[in-house]
Every structure is written in structure tokens, then in C-alpha cells.
PDB file of N, CA and C in Angstrom:
ATOM      1  N   UNK A   1       0.915  -0.853  -0.032  1.00  0.00           N
ATOM      2  CA  UNK A   1      -0.181   0.249   0.490  1.00  0.00           C
ATOM      3  C   UNK A   1       0.522   1.796  -0.446  1.00  0.00           C
ATOM      4  N   UNK A   2       0.368   2.412  -0.900  1.00  0.00           N
ATOM      5  CA  UNK A   2       1.421   3.601  -0.917  1.00  0.00           C
ATOM      6  C   UNK A   2       0.059   4.337  -1.358  1.00  0.00           C
ATOM      7  N   UNK A   3       0.776   5.046  -0.062  1.00  0.00           N
ATOM      8  CA  UNK A   3      -0.155   6.988  -0.086  1.00  0.00           C
ATOM      9  C   UNK A   3       0.592   7.660  -1.357  1.00  0.00           C
ATOM     10  N   UNK A   4      -0.290   8.510  -2.491  1.00  0.00           N
ATOM     11  CA  UNK A   4       0.196  10.033  -2.832  1.00  0.00           C
ATOM     12  C   UNK A   4      -0.116  11.079  -2.926  1.00  0.00           C
ATOM     13  N   UNK A   5      -0.087  11.834  -2.799  1.00  0.00           N
ATOM     14  CA  UNK A   5      -0.696  13.905  -3.286  1.00  0.00           C
ATOM     15  C   UNK A   5      -0.251  13.786  -4.276  1.00  0.00           C
ATOM     16  N   UNK A   6      -2.011  13.777  -4.593  1.00  0.00           N
ATOM     17  CA  UNK A   6      -1.316  14.251  -5.820  1.00  0.00           C
ATOM     18  C   UNK A   6      -2.400  16.256  -6.160  1.00  0.00           C
ATOM     19  N   UNK A   7      -1.116  16.749  -7.897  1.00  0.00           N
ATOM     20  CA  UNK A   7      -2.090  17.871  -7.489  1.00  0.00           C
ATOM     21  C   UNK A   7      -2.217  18.041  -9.033  1.00  0.00           C
ATOM     22  N   UNK A   8      -3.431  17.891  -9.689  1.00  0.00           N
ATOM     23  CA  UNK A   8      -3.648  18.040 -11.462  1.00  0.00           C
ATOM     24  C   UNK A   8      -3.682  19.746 -11.257  1.00  0.00           C
ATOM     25  N   UNK A   9      -3.340  20.437 -12.723  1.00  0.00           N
ATOM     26  CA  UNK A   9      -3.612  21.800 -12.970  1.00  0.00           C
ATOM     27  C   UNK A   9      -3.808  22.021 -14.273  1.00  0.00           C
ATOM     28  N   UNK A  10      -4.306  22.809 -14.899  1.00  0.00           N
ATOM     29  CA  UNK A  10      -5.291  22.679 -15.916  1.00  0.00           C
ATOM     30  C   UNK A  10      -6.190  23.306 -15.930  1.00  0.00           C
ATOM     31  N   UNK A  11      -7.145  23.269 -16.697  1.00  0.00           N
ATOM     32  CA  UNK A  11      -8.706  23.394 -17.327  1.00  0.00           C
ATOM     33  C   UNK A  11      -9.476  22.067 -16.129  1.00  0.00           C
ATOM     34  N   UNK A  12      -9.234  22.106 -14.577  1.00  0.00           N
ATOM     35  CA  UNK A  12      -9.073  21.069 -14.619  1.00  0.00           C
ATOM     36  C   UNK A  12     -11.175  21.449 -12.984  1.00  0.00           C
ATOM     37  N   UNK A  13     -11.250  22.651 -13.141  1.00  0.00           N
ATOM     38  CA  UNK A  13     -12.474  22.280 -12.478  1.00  0.00           C
ATOM     39  C   UNK A  13     -13.516  22.786 -13.334  1.00  0.00           C
ATOM     40  N   UNK A  14     -14.592  22.845 -13.342  1.00  0.00           N
ATOM     41  CA  UNK A  14     -16.024  22.979 -14.101  1.00  0.00           C
ATOM     42  C   UNK A  14     -16.386  21.682 -14.910  1.00  0.00           C
ATOM     43  N   UNK A  15     -15.171  20.957 -15.378  1.00  0.00           N
ATOM     44  CA  UNK A  15     -15.244  20.200 -15.878  1.00  0.00           C
ATOM     45  C   UNK A  15     -15.679  18.253 -15.376  1.00  0.00           C
ATOM     46  N   UNK A  16     -16.054  18.645 -14.312  1.00  0.00           N
ATOM     47  CA  UNK A  16     -16.290  17.167 -13.754  1.00  0.00           C
ATOM     48  C   UNK A  16     -15.699  15.675 -13.114  1.00  0.00           C
ATOM     49  N   UNK A  17     -14.413  17.252 -12.782  1.00  0.00           N
ATOM     50  CA  UNK A  17     -13.134  16.334 -12.759  1.00  0.00           C
ATOM     51  C   UNK A  17     -13.145  15.638 -11.384  1.00  0.00           C
ATOM     52  N   UNK A  18     -13.769  16.283 -10.204  1.00  0.00           N
ATOM     53  CA  UNK A  18     -13.832  15.453  -8.774  1.00  0.00           C
ATOM     54  C   UNK A  18     -14.821  14.310  -9.337  1.00  0.00           C
ATOM     55  N   UNK A  19     -15.945  14.500 -10.044  1.00  0.00           N
ATOM     56  CA  UNK A  19     -17.104  13.570 -10.080  1.00  0.00           C
ATOM     57  C   UNK A  19     -16.061  11.882 -10.857  1.00  0.00           C
ATOM     58  N   UNK A  20     -15.662  12.319 -11.432  1.00  0.00           N
ATOM     59  CA  UNK A  20     -14.828  11.834 -12.754  1.00  0.00           C
ATOM     60  C   UNK A  20     -13.543  10.944 -12.244  1.00  0.00           C
ATOM     61  N   UNK A  21     -13.176  11.464 -10.583  1.00  0.00           N
ATOM     62  CA  UNK A  21     -11.702  10.066 -10.132  1.00  0.00           C
ATOM     63  C   UNK A  21     -12.567   9.786  -9.532  1.00  0.00           C
ATOM     64  N   UNK A  22     -13.409  10.476  -8.981  1.00  0.00           N
ATOM     65  CA  UNK A  22     -14.027   9.430  -8.045  1.00  0.00           C
ATOM     66  C   UNK A  22     -14.967   8.123  -8.450  1.00  0.00           C
ATOM     67  N   UNK A  23     -15.669   8.110  -9.913  1.00  0.00           N
ATOM     68  CA  UNK A  23     -15.891   6.862 -10.492  1.00  0.00           C
ATOM     69  C   UNK A  23     -14.541   6.104 -11.088  1.00  0.00           C
ATOM     70  N   UNK A  24     -13.891   6.953 -11.415  1.00  0.00           N
ATOM     71  CA  UNK A  24     -12.452   6.214 -11.645  1.00  0.00           C
ATOM     72  C   UNK A  24     -11.434   5.396 -10.290  1.00  0.00           C
ATOM     73  N   UNK A  25     -11.481   6.122  -9.295  1.00  0.00           N
ATOM     74  CA  UNK A  25     -10.956   5.106  -7.770  1.00  0.00           C
ATOM     75  C   UNK A  25     -11.691   4.263  -7.577  1.00  0.00           C
ATOM     76  N   UNK A  26     -13.671   4.705  -7.554  1.00  0.00           N
ATOM     77  CA  UNK A  26     -14.333   3.477  -6.877  1.00  0.00           C
ATOM     78  C   UNK A  26     -13.977   2.678  -8.291  1.00  0.00           C
ATOM     79  N   UNK A  27     -13.351   2.049  -9.543  1.00  0.00           N
ATOM     80  CA  UNK A  27     -13.170   1.125  -9.964  1.00  0.00           C
ATOM     81  C   UNK A  27     -12.687   0.830  -9.959  1.00  0.00           C
ATOM     82  N   UNK A  28     -11.136   1.555  -9.934  1.00  0.00           N
ATOM     83  CA  UNK A  28      -9.392   0.596  -9.356  1.00  0.00           C
ATOM     84  C   UNK A  28      -9.644   0.113  -8.433  1.00  0.00           C
ATOM     85  N   UNK A  29     -10.676   0.280  -6.968  1.00  0.00           N
ATOM     86  CA  UNK A  29     -10.373   0.639  -5.789  1.00  0.00           C
ATOM     87  C   UNK A  29      -9.506   1.285  -5.036  1.00  0.00           C
ATOM     88  N   UNK A  30      -9.301   2.296  -5.609  1.00  0.00           N
ATOM     89  CA  UNK A  30      -8.523   3.373  -4.446  1.00  0.00           C
ATOM     90  C   UNK A  30      -8.941   3.805  -4.062  1.00  0.00           C
ATOM     91  N   UNK A  31      -8.530   4.687  -2.368  1.00  0.00           N
ATOM     92  CA  UNK A  31      -9.074   5.116  -1.409  1.00  0.00           C
ATOM     93  C   UNK A  31      -8.562   6.232  -1.268  1.00  0.00           C
ATOM     94  N   UNK A  32      -9.158   6.870  -0.361  1.00  0.00           N
ATOM     95  CA  UNK A  32      -8.712   8.799  -0.523  1.00  0.00           C
ATOM     96  C   UNK A  32      -9.846   9.602  -0.645  1.00  0.00           C
ATOM     97  N   UNK A  33      -9.464  11.132  -1.412  1.00  0.00           N
ATOM     98  CA  UNK A  33     -10.223  11.873  -1.401  1.00  0.00           C
ATOM     99  C   UNK A  33      -9.840  12.873  -2.697  1.00  0.00           C
ATOM    100  N   UNK A  34     -11.117  13.252  -2.897  1.00  0.00           N
ATOM    101  CA  UNK A  34     -10.336  14.420  -4.106  1.00  0.00           C
ATOM    102  C   UNK A  34     -11.293  16.267  -3.318  1.00  0.00           C
ATOM    103  N   UNK A  35     -10.874  17.828  -3.834  1.00  0.00           N
ATOM    104  CA  UNK A  35     -11.132  18.400  -3.909  1.00  0.00           C
ATOM    105  C   UNK A  35     -10.776  19.595  -5.088  1.00  0.00           C
ATOM    106  N   UNK A  36     -11.068  20.596  -4.724  1.00  0.00           N
ATOM    107  CA  UNK A  36     -11.117  21.393  -6.107  1.00  0.00           C
ATOM    108  C   UNK A  36     -10.125  22.081  -4.602  1.00  0.00           C
ATOM    109  N   UNK A  37      -8.796  23.093  -5.694  1.00  0.00           N
ATOM    110  CA  UNK A  37      -8.320  24.274  -4.394  1.00  0.00           C
ATOM    111  C   UNK A  37      -8.904  25.277  -5.082  1.00  0.00           C
ATOM    112  N   UNK A  38      -8.493  26.565  -4.036  1.00  0.00           N
ATOM    113  CA  UNK A  38      -9.263  27.362  -4.892  1.00  0.00           C
ATOM    114  C   UNK A  38      -7.815  28.522  -5.727  1.00  0.00           C
ATOM    115  N   UNK A  39      -6.762  28.013  -5.926  1.00  0.00           N
ATOM    116  CA  UNK A  39      -5.979  28.453  -6.864  1.00  0.00           C
ATOM    117  C   UNK A  39      -6.416  27.699  -8.457  1.00  0.00           C
ATOM    118  N   UNK A  40      -7.976  26.840  -8.775  1.00  0.00           N
ATOM    119  CA  UNK A  40      -7.890  25.972  -9.787  1.00  0.00           C
ATOM    120  C   UNK A  40      -7.391  25.207  -9.549  1.00  0.00           C
ATOM    121  N   UNK A  41      -6.418  24.345  -8.507  1.00  0.00           N
ATOM    122  CA  UNK A  41      -6.353  22.757  -9.004  1.00  0.00           C
ATOM    123  C   UNK A  41      -6.673  22.308  -8.246  1.00  0.00           C
ATOM    124  N   UNK A  42      -7.180  20.557  -8.774  1.00  0.00           N
ATOM    125  CA  UNK A  42      -7.474  19.536  -8.248  1.00  0.00           C
ATOM    126  C   UNK A  42      -6.526  19.001  -7.744  1.00  0.00           C
ATOM    127  N   UNK A  43      -6.782  18.392  -6.119  1.00  0.00           N
ATOM    128  CA  UNK A  43      -6.007  17.515  -5.031  1.00  0.00           C
ATOM    129  C   UNK A  43      -6.793  16.609  -4.737  1.00  0.00           C
ATOM    130  N   UNK A  44      -5.864  15.556  -4.688  1.00  0.00           N
ATOM    131  CA  UNK A  44      -6.271  13.935  -5.220  1.00  0.00           C
ATOM    132  C   UNK A  44      -5.481  13.316  -3.634  1.00  0.00           C
ATOM    133  N   UNK A  45      -5.398  12.677  -2.946  1.00  0.00           N
ATOM    134  CA  UNK A  45      -5.780  11.683  -1.785  1.00  0.00           C
ATOM    135  C   UNK A  45      -5.138  10.569  -1.905  1.00  0.00           C
ATOM    136  N   UNK A  46      -4.301   9.849  -2.980  1.00  0.00           N
ATOM    137  CA  UNK A  46      -4.635   8.398  -2.812  1.00  0.00           C
ATOM    138  C   UNK A  46      -3.865   7.431  -2.261  1.00  0.00           C
ATOM    139  N   UNK A  47      -4.623   6.388  -2.195  1.00  0.00           N
ATOM    140  CA  UNK A  47      -4.340   4.980  -1.863  1.00  0.00           C
ATOM    141  C   UNK A  47      -4.691   3.694  -2.365  1.00  0.00           C
ATOM    142  N   UNK A  48      -3.071   3.182  -2.460  1.00  0.00           N
ATOM    143  CA  UNK A  48      -3.650   1.596  -3.520  1.00  0.00           C
ATOM    144  C   UNK A  48      -2.542   1.195  -3.293  1.00  0.00           C
ATOM    145  N   UNK A  49      -2.177  -0.378  -4.342  1.00  0.00           N
ATOM    146  CA  UNK A  49      -0.921  -0.466  -4.268  1.00  0.00           C
ATOM    147  C   UNK A  49      -0.240   0.103  -5.866  1.00  0.00           C
ATOM    148  N   UNK A  50       0.927  -0.083  -5.607  1.00  0.00           N
ATOM    149  CA  UNK A  50       1.906   0.613  -6.879  1.00  0.00           C
ATOM    150  C   UNK A  50       0.387   0.066  -8.582  1.00  0.00           C
ATOM    151  N   UNK A  51       0.323  -0.994  -9.031  1.00  0.00           N
ATOM    152  CA  UNK A  51       0.026  -1.466  -9.960  1.00  0.00           C
ATOM    153  C   UNK A  51      -1.455  -0.911 -10.608  1.00  0.00           C
ATOM    154  N   UNK A  52      -1.949  -0.424  -8.990  1.00  0.00           N
ATOM    155  CA  UNK A  52      -3.247   0.058  -9.438  1.00  0.00           C
ATOM    156  C   UNK A  52      -3.457   1.934  -9.109  1.00  0.00           C
ATOM    157  N   UNK A  53      -2.091   2.119  -9.125  1.00  0.00           N
ATOM    158  CA  UNK A  53      -1.988   3.798  -8.478  1.00  0.00           C
ATOM    159  C   UNK A  53      -1.028   4.206  -9.637  1.00  0.00           C
ATOM    160  N   UNK A  54      -0.494   3.421 -10.922  1.00  0.00           N
ATOM    161  CA  UNK A  54      -0.444   3.069 -12.084  1.00  0.00           C
ATOM    162  C   UNK A  54      -1.383   3.539 -12.682  1.00  0.00           C
ATOM    163  N   UNK A  55      -2.385   2.570 -12.522  1.00  0.00           N
ATOM    164  CA  UNK A  55      -3.364   2.748 -13.643  1.00  0.00           C
ATOM    165  C   UNK A  55      -4.023   4.352 -13.096  1.00  0.00           C
ATOM    166  N   UNK A  56      -4.043   4.361 -12.084  1.00  0.00           N
ATOM    167  CA  UNK A  56      -4.972   5.481 -11.473  1.00  0.00           C
ATOM    168  C   UNK A  56      -3.961   7.323 -11.490  1.00  0.00           C
ATOM    169  N   UNK A  57      -2.963   7.172 -12.196  1.00  0.00           N
ATOM    170  CA  UNK A  57      -2.274   8.626 -11.696  1.00  0.00           C
ATOM    171  C   UNK A  57      -2.466   8.980 -14.055  1.00  0.00           C
ATOM    172  N   UNK A  58      -2.251   7.150 -14.500  1.00  0.00           N
ATOM    173  CA  UNK A  58      -2.312   7.546 -16.258  1.00  0.00           C
ATOM    174  C   UNK A  58      -3.770   8.304 -16.061  1.00  0.00           C
ATOM    175  N   UNK A  59      -5.044   7.862 -15.268  1.00  0.00           N
ATOM    176  CA  UNK A  59      -6.244   8.579 -15.417  1.00  0.00           C
ATOM    177  C   UNK A  59      -6.378   9.956 -15.266  1.00  0.00           C
ATOM    178  N   UNK A  60      -5.503  10.322 -14.201  1.00  0.00           N
ATOM    179  CA  UNK A  60      -5.462  11.970 -13.668  1.00  0.00           C
ATOM    180  C   UNK A  60      -4.351  12.201 -15.144  1.00  0.00           C
ATOM    181  N   UNK A  61      -3.623  12.316 -16.046  1.00  0.00           N
ATOM    182  CA  UNK A  61      -3.106  12.784 -16.785  1.00  0.00           C
ATOM    183  C   UNK A  61      -3.696  13.258 -17.963  1.00  0.00           C
ATOM    184  N   UNK A  62      -4.839  12.454 -18.619  1.00  0.00           N
ATOM    185  CA  UNK A  62      -6.069  12.997 -18.982  1.00  0.00           C
ATOM    186  C   UNK A  62      -7.479  13.079 -18.476  1.00  0.00           C
ATOM    187  N   UNK A  63      -7.140  12.849 -17.316  1.00  0.00           N
ATOM    188  CA  UNK A  63      -8.779  13.423 -16.605  1.00  0.00           C
ATOM    189  C   UNK A  63      -9.671  13.521 -17.827  1.00  0.00           C
ATOM    190  N   UNK A  64     -11.451  13.826 -17.170  1.00  0.00           N
ATOM    191  CA  UNK A  64     -12.767  13.576 -17.577  1.00  0.00           C
ATOM    192  C   UNK A  64     -12.311  14.483 -19.544  1.00  0.00           C
ATOM    193  N   UNK A  65     -13.209  14.230 -20.226  1.00  0.00           N
ATOM    194  CA  UNK A  65     -13.073  14.244 -21.612  1.00  0.00           C
ATOM    195  C   UNK A  65     -12.586  16.063 -21.901  1.00  0.00           C
ATOM    196  N   UNK A  66     -13.830  17.052 -21.251  1.00  0.00           N
ATOM    197  CA  UNK A  66     -13.646  18.892 -21.436  1.00  0.00           C
ATOM    198  C   UNK A  66     -12.557  18.868 -20.151  1.00  0.00           C
ATOM    199  N   UNK A  67     -11.989  17.846 -19.954  1.00  0.00           N
ATOM    200  CA  UNK A  67     -10.403  18.590 -18.943  1.00  0.00           C
ATOM    201  C   UNK A  67      -9.088  18.927 -19.882  1.00  0.00           C
ATOM    202  N   UNK A  68      -8.441  20.000 -19.444  1.00  0.00           N
ATOM    203  CA  UNK A  68      -7.578  19.709 -20.074  1.00  0.00           C
ATOM    204  C   UNK A  68      -5.875  20.628 -19.177  1.00  0.00           C
ATOM    205  N   UNK A  69      -5.240  18.918 -18.983  1.00  0.00           N
ATOM    206  CA  UNK A  69      -4.610  18.561 -18.016  1.00  0.00           C
ATOM    207  C   UNK A  69      -2.962  19.286 -18.725  1.00  0.00           C
ATOM    208  N   UNK A  70      -2.824  20.892 -17.137  1.00  0.00           N
ATOM    209  CA  UNK A  70      -1.154  21.080 -17.852  1.00  0.00           C
ATOM    210  C   UNK A  70      -0.099  19.537 -17.047  1.00  0.00           C
ATOM    211  N   UNK A  71      -0.297  19.385 -16.279  1.00  0.00           N
ATOM    212  CA  UNK A  71       0.328  19.112 -15.461  1.00  0.00           C
ATOM    213  C   UNK A  71       0.132  18.247 -14.201  1.00  0.00           C
ATOM    214  N   UNK A  72       1.218  16.958 -13.648  1.00  0.00           N
ATOM    215  CA  UNK A  72       0.846  16.324 -12.662  1.00  0.00           C
ATOM    216  C   UNK A  72       1.625  16.759 -11.326  1.00  0.00           C
ATOM    217  N   UNK A  73       1.652  16.922 -10.494  1.00  0.00           N
ATOM    218  CA  UNK A  73       2.623  15.921  -9.085  1.00  0.00           C
ATOM    219  C   UNK A  73       2.228  15.491  -7.856  1.00  0.00           C
ATOM    220  N   UNK A  74       3.140  14.514  -7.741  1.00  0.00           N
ATOM    221  CA  UNK A  74       2.865  13.684  -6.526  1.00  0.00           C
ATOM    222  C   UNK A  74       4.503  13.560  -5.883  1.00  0.00           C
ATOM    223  N   UNK A  75       3.124  13.424  -4.703  1.00  0.00           N
ATOM    224  CA  UNK A  75       4.213  13.795  -2.963  1.00  0.00           C
ATOM    225  C   UNK A  75       3.651  11.857  -3.364  1.00  0.00           C
ATOM    226  N   UNK A  76       4.729  11.610  -2.379  1.00  0.00           N
ATOM    227  CA  UNK A  76       4.473   9.916  -1.101  1.00  0.00           C
ATOM    228  C   UNK A  76       4.807  10.411   0.302  1.00  0.00           C
ATOM    229  N   UNK A  77       3.470   9.861   0.293  1.00  0.00           N
ATOM    230  CA  UNK A  77       3.469  10.395   1.966  1.00  0.00           C
ATOM    231  C   UNK A  77       2.951   9.165   2.997  1.00  0.00           C
ATOM    232  N   UNK A  78       2.828   9.388   4.030  1.00  0.00           N
ATOM    233  CA  UNK A  78       2.511   8.196   5.265  1.00  0.00           C
ATOM    234  C   UNK A  78       1.080   7.477   4.751  1.00  0.00           C
ATOM    235  N   UNK A  79       1.044   6.466   4.134  1.00  0.00           N
ATOM    236  CA  UNK A  79      -0.472   6.048   4.730  1.00  0.00           C
ATOM    237  C   UNK A  79      -1.730   5.996   5.652  1.00  0.00           C
ATOM    238  N   UNK A  80      -2.396   6.571   5.358  1.00  0.00           N
ATOM    239  CA  UNK A  80      -3.245   6.899   6.666  1.00  0.00           C
ATOM    240  C   UNK A  80      -4.552   6.460   6.456  1.00  0.00           C
ATOM    241  N   UNK A  81      -4.734   4.815   5.589  1.00  0.00           N
ATOM    242  CA  UNK A  81      -5.533   3.824   5.188  1.00  0.00           C
ATOM    243  C   UNK A  81      -7.119   4.716   5.056  1.00  0.00           C
ATOM    244  N   UNK A  82      -7.333   5.161   4.492  1.00  0.00           N
ATOM    245  CA  UNK A  82      -8.960   5.743   3.849  1.00  0.00           C
ATOM    246  C   UNK A  82      -9.262   4.848   3.829  1.00  0.00           C
ATOM    247  N   UNK A  83     -11.107   4.586   4.174  1.00  0.00           N
ATOM    248  CA  UNK A  83     -11.625   3.458   4.433  1.00  0.00           C
ATOM    249  C   UNK A  83     -13.091   3.654   2.642  1.00  0.00           C
ATOM    250  N   UNK A  84     -12.308   4.610   2.029  1.00  0.00           N
ATOM    251  CA  UNK A  84     -13.711   3.918   0.922  1.00  0.00           C
ATOM    252  C   UNK A  84     -12.620   6.451   0.226  1.00  0.00           C
ATOM    253  N   UNK A  85     -13.520   6.460  -1.085  1.00  0.00           N
ATOM    254  CA  UNK A  85     -12.747   7.679  -1.897  1.00  0.00           C
ATOM    255  C   UNK A  85     -13.759   8.687  -1.833  1.00  0.00           C
ATOM    256  N   UNK A  86     -13.828   9.521  -1.176  1.00  0.00           N
ATOM    257  CA  UNK A  86     -14.758  10.686  -1.743  1.00  0.00           C
ATOM    258  C   UNK A  86     -14.466  12.444  -2.504  1.00  0.00           C
ATOM    259  N   UNK A  87     -15.436  12.856  -2.406  1.00  0.00           N
ATOM    260  CA  UNK A  87     -15.438  14.046  -3.041  1.00  0.00           C
ATOM    261  C   UNK A  87     -14.957  15.007  -2.405  1.00  0.00           C
ATOM    262  N   UNK A  88     -14.282  15.860  -1.660  1.00  0.00           N
ATOM    263  CA  UNK A  88     -15.033  16.146  -0.248  1.00  0.00           C
ATOM    264  C   UNK A  88     -15.201  17.987  -1.173  1.00  0.00           C
ATOM    265  N   UNK A  89     -16.383  18.893  -1.009  1.00  0.00           N
ATOM    266  CA  UNK A  89     -17.024  19.797  -1.024  1.00  0.00           C
ATOM    267  C   UNK A  89     -16.348  21.025   0.301  1.00  0.00           C
ATOM    268  N   UNK A  90     -15.655  21.932  -0.478  1.00  0.00           N
ATOM    269  CA  UNK A  90     -15.514  23.133  -0.006  1.00  0.00           C
ATOM    270  C   UNK A  90     -16.573  24.448   0.554  1.00  0.00           C
TER     271      UNK A  90
END
């Protein structure tokens, strides 16, 4: 099990990025959360095995149909043992 903090930049708000991220996370078995940031980015905390996180990251680099992802940065962190994947609304 590995924990990644993921920041996605570009046209990623107002394009159902959070909802789509949850659908993909649920399908793959990724746990954590996704939220919009005040600066227009999307932040994702994701936990899963390496192979699953690789597939999840591939999706994050594209996002949903109307998104225009310009960059994705990741930092490995301490596993927090999330129970599921949630959309956080501020």
C-alpha cells in the first residue's frame, strides 16, 4: 500500500473532474479523496498498491473529456488507511 498526494493543474474545475475521479477511483479500488483548490487546481489523496496507482495516475494525466490537464505532480506520503474514496466539497 502506498499513499500519493497528487496535484492536477490546468482546466480541471467545472469539467466534472472530481466526480470522474471518484468513479475511476471506485472502479480501481483507490481510497482517499479529491477536492478543488482555491487556485484552480485539483488535489487528490490516493492510496492503493503500486500497479493500481500507476493506472490511476495514467487517468489523472488525461482526466475527463472536457479537462485540459497541463501538469500532474505527486509526492509520496504516509499511508492514512482511508476507508473509501470521497469528493470533498469546500
